[in-house]
Amino acid sequence: MSDSKTLRPIIEHTPFQTQPTQNVHGWERIGSVAGGVMMVGKGLRRGGIFGLIQVAIGGVALARGFTGHSSLKDKLEQGRQEMNTVRTKIERAGEELKNLKTKAEVVAEKATNTTG
């Protein structure tokens, strides 16, 4: 038997647990609820597989509006933060390369002055 501490859960949270922090606010949240209601209504009227797809999309929008949390928005923000971290590292590396180039030019200038 494996140790239960080494297993990672696949589901991050369930509907009955406390939701993660809110990242959808104000008009965006109201728009999600309104759009979700419209999509569910259109999907129910339409019927069939495309209607079912509309109902599902509307349900996701409703959940996003009611809970105030969007996992997709969370993932996008994480990606943005990672990109900013990489950009900062690249900028630092560029500065270090510039400093190395300057030092190399100074050493080369000194070498040519002492030999010439």
Protein backbone atom coordinates (compact mmCIF):
# COMPACT_ATOMS: atom_id res chain seq x y z
CA MET A 1 0.00 0.00 0.00
CA SER A 2 1.20 3.48 -0.79
CA ASP A 3 1.47 6.31 1.66
CA SER A 4 -1.50 8.67 1.25
CA LYS A 5 0.74 11.69 1.78
CA THR A 6 2.52 11.05 -1.52
CA LEU A 7 -0.68 11.09 -3.59
CA ARG A 8 -1.73 14.38 -5.15
CA PRO A 9 -5.42 15.05 -5.63
CA ILE A 10 -6.55 15.56 -9.21
CA ILE A 11 -9.46 17.82 -8.23
CA GLU A 12 -8.29 21.04 -6.61
CA HIS A 13 -11.63 21.77 -4.94
CA THR A 14 -15.22 20.60 -4.96
CA PRO A 15 -18.37 22.73 -5.06
CA PHE A 16 -18.93 22.14 -1.35
CA GLN A 17 -15.49 23.33 -0.26
CA THR A 18 -14.62 26.98 0.15
CA GLN A 19 -13.82 28.53 -3.20
CA PRO A 20 -10.44 30.10 -3.97
CA THR A 21 -10.08 33.85 -3.77
CA GLN A 22 -12.28 35.95 -6.02
CA ASN A 23 -10.65 37.19 -9.19
CA VAL A 24 -13.79 38.30 -11.04
CA HIS A 25 -15.35 41.53 -9.79
CA GLY A 26 -17.91 44.19 -10.61
CA TRP A 27 -19.21 44.48 -14.15
CA GLU A 28 -17.27 41.43 -15.27
CA ARG A 29 -19.13 39.33 -12.72
CA ILE A 30 -22.50 40.85 -13.64
CA GLY A 31 -21.72 40.27 -17.32
CA SER A 32 -20.90 36.62 -16.63
CA VAL A 33 -24.22 36.07 -14.86
CA ALA A 34 -26.21 37.89 -17.58
CA GLY A 35 -24.37 36.10 -20.40
CA GLY A 36 -24.77 32.77 -18.63
CA VAL A 37 -28.52 33.25 -18.25
CA MET A 38 -28.83 34.18 -21.94
CA MET A 39 -26.74 31.19 -23.08
CA VAL A 40 -28.68 28.73 -20.93
CA GLY A 41 -31.99 30.12 -22.17
CA LYS A 42 -30.93 29.99 -25.83
CA GLY A 43 -29.54 26.50 -25.39
CA LEU A 44 -32.74 25.21 -23.82
CA ARG A 45 -34.85 26.73 -26.62
CA ARG A 46 -32.54 25.42 -29.34
CA GLY A 47 -32.28 21.83 -28.13
CA GLY A 48 -30.09 19.16 -29.67
CA ILE A 49 -26.34 18.84 -29.31
CA PHE A 50 -25.66 22.53 -30.07
CA GLY A 51 -28.25 23.55 -27.51
CA LEU A 52 -26.57 21.29 -24.96
CA ILE A 53 -23.23 22.94 -25.71
CA GLN A 54 -24.81 26.38 -25.21
CA VAL A 55 -26.32 25.27 -21.90
CA ALA A 56 -22.91 23.98 -20.75
CA ILE A 57 -21.12 27.21 -21.71
CA GLY A 58 -23.86 29.24 -20.04
CA GLY A 59 -23.54 27.12 -16.91
CA VAL A 60 -19.82 27.81 -16.75
CA ALA A 61 -20.46 31.54 -17.17
CA LEU A 62 -23.11 31.44 -14.43
CA ALA A 63 -20.77 29.60 -12.07
CA ARG A 64 -18.04 32.16 -12.81
CA GLY A 65 -20.41 35.02 -12.06
CA PHE A 66 -21.90 33.53 -8.90
CA THR A 67 -18.61 32.36 -7.35
CA GLY A 68 -16.54 35.33 -8.50
CA HIS A 69 -13.72 32.96 -9.45
CA SER A 70 -12.43 31.95 -12.86
CA SER A 71 -9.85 29.16 -13.09
CA LEU A 72 -8.98 30.24 -16.63
CA LYS A 73 -8.31 33.78 -15.45
CA ASP A 74 -6.16 32.33 -12.65
CA LYS A 75 -4.09 30.34 -15.14
CA LEU A 76 -3.69 33.35 -17.43
CA GLU A 77 -2.49 35.46 -14.51
CA GLN A 78 0.01 32.77 -13.50
CA GLY A 79 1.31 32.68 -17.07
CA ARG A 80 1.60 36.48 -17.10
CA GLN A 81 3.56 36.42 -13.84
CA GLU A 82 5.88 33.69 -15.16
CA MET A 83 6.43 35.71 -18.34
CA ASN A 84 7.31 38.79 -16.28
CA THR A 85 9.77 36.71 -14.23
CA VAL A 86 11.43 35.43 -17.40
CA ARG A 87 11.54 38.96 -18.84
CA THR A 88 13.25 40.22 -15.68
CA LYS A 89 15.82 37.41 -15.83
CA ILE A 90 16.53 38.17 -19.51
CA GLU A 91 16.95 41.88 -18.76
CA ARG A 92 19.37 41.06 -15.93
CA ALA A 93 21.33 38.73 -18.19
CA GLY A 94 21.48 41.48 -20.83
CA GLU A 95 22.87 43.93 -18.28
CA GLU A 96 25.47 41.38 -17.16
CA LEU A 97 26.50 40.79 -20.78
CA LYS A 98 26.79 44.54 -21.33
CA ASN A 99 29.01 44.83 -18.23
CA LEU A 100 31.17 41.91 -19.39
CA LYS A 101 31.54 43.51 -22.82
CA THR A 102 32.59 46.81 -21.27
CA LYS A 103 35.14 45.06 -19.03
CA ALA A 104 36.49 43.09 -22.00
CA GLU A 105 36.86 46.28 -24.04
CA VAL A 106 38.73 47.95 -21.16
CA VAL A 107 41.08 44.97 -20.79
CA ALA A 108 41.65 44.83 -24.56
CA GLU A 109 42.41 48.58 -24.62
CA LYS A 110 44.90 48.19 -21.75
CA ALA A 111 46.53 45.21 -23.51
CA THR A 112 47.00 47.16 -26.75
CA ASN A 113 48.37 50.20 -24.87
CA THR A 114 50.95 48.19 -22.93
CA THR A 115 52.18 46.19 -25.95
CA GLY A 116 52.19 49.07 -28.39
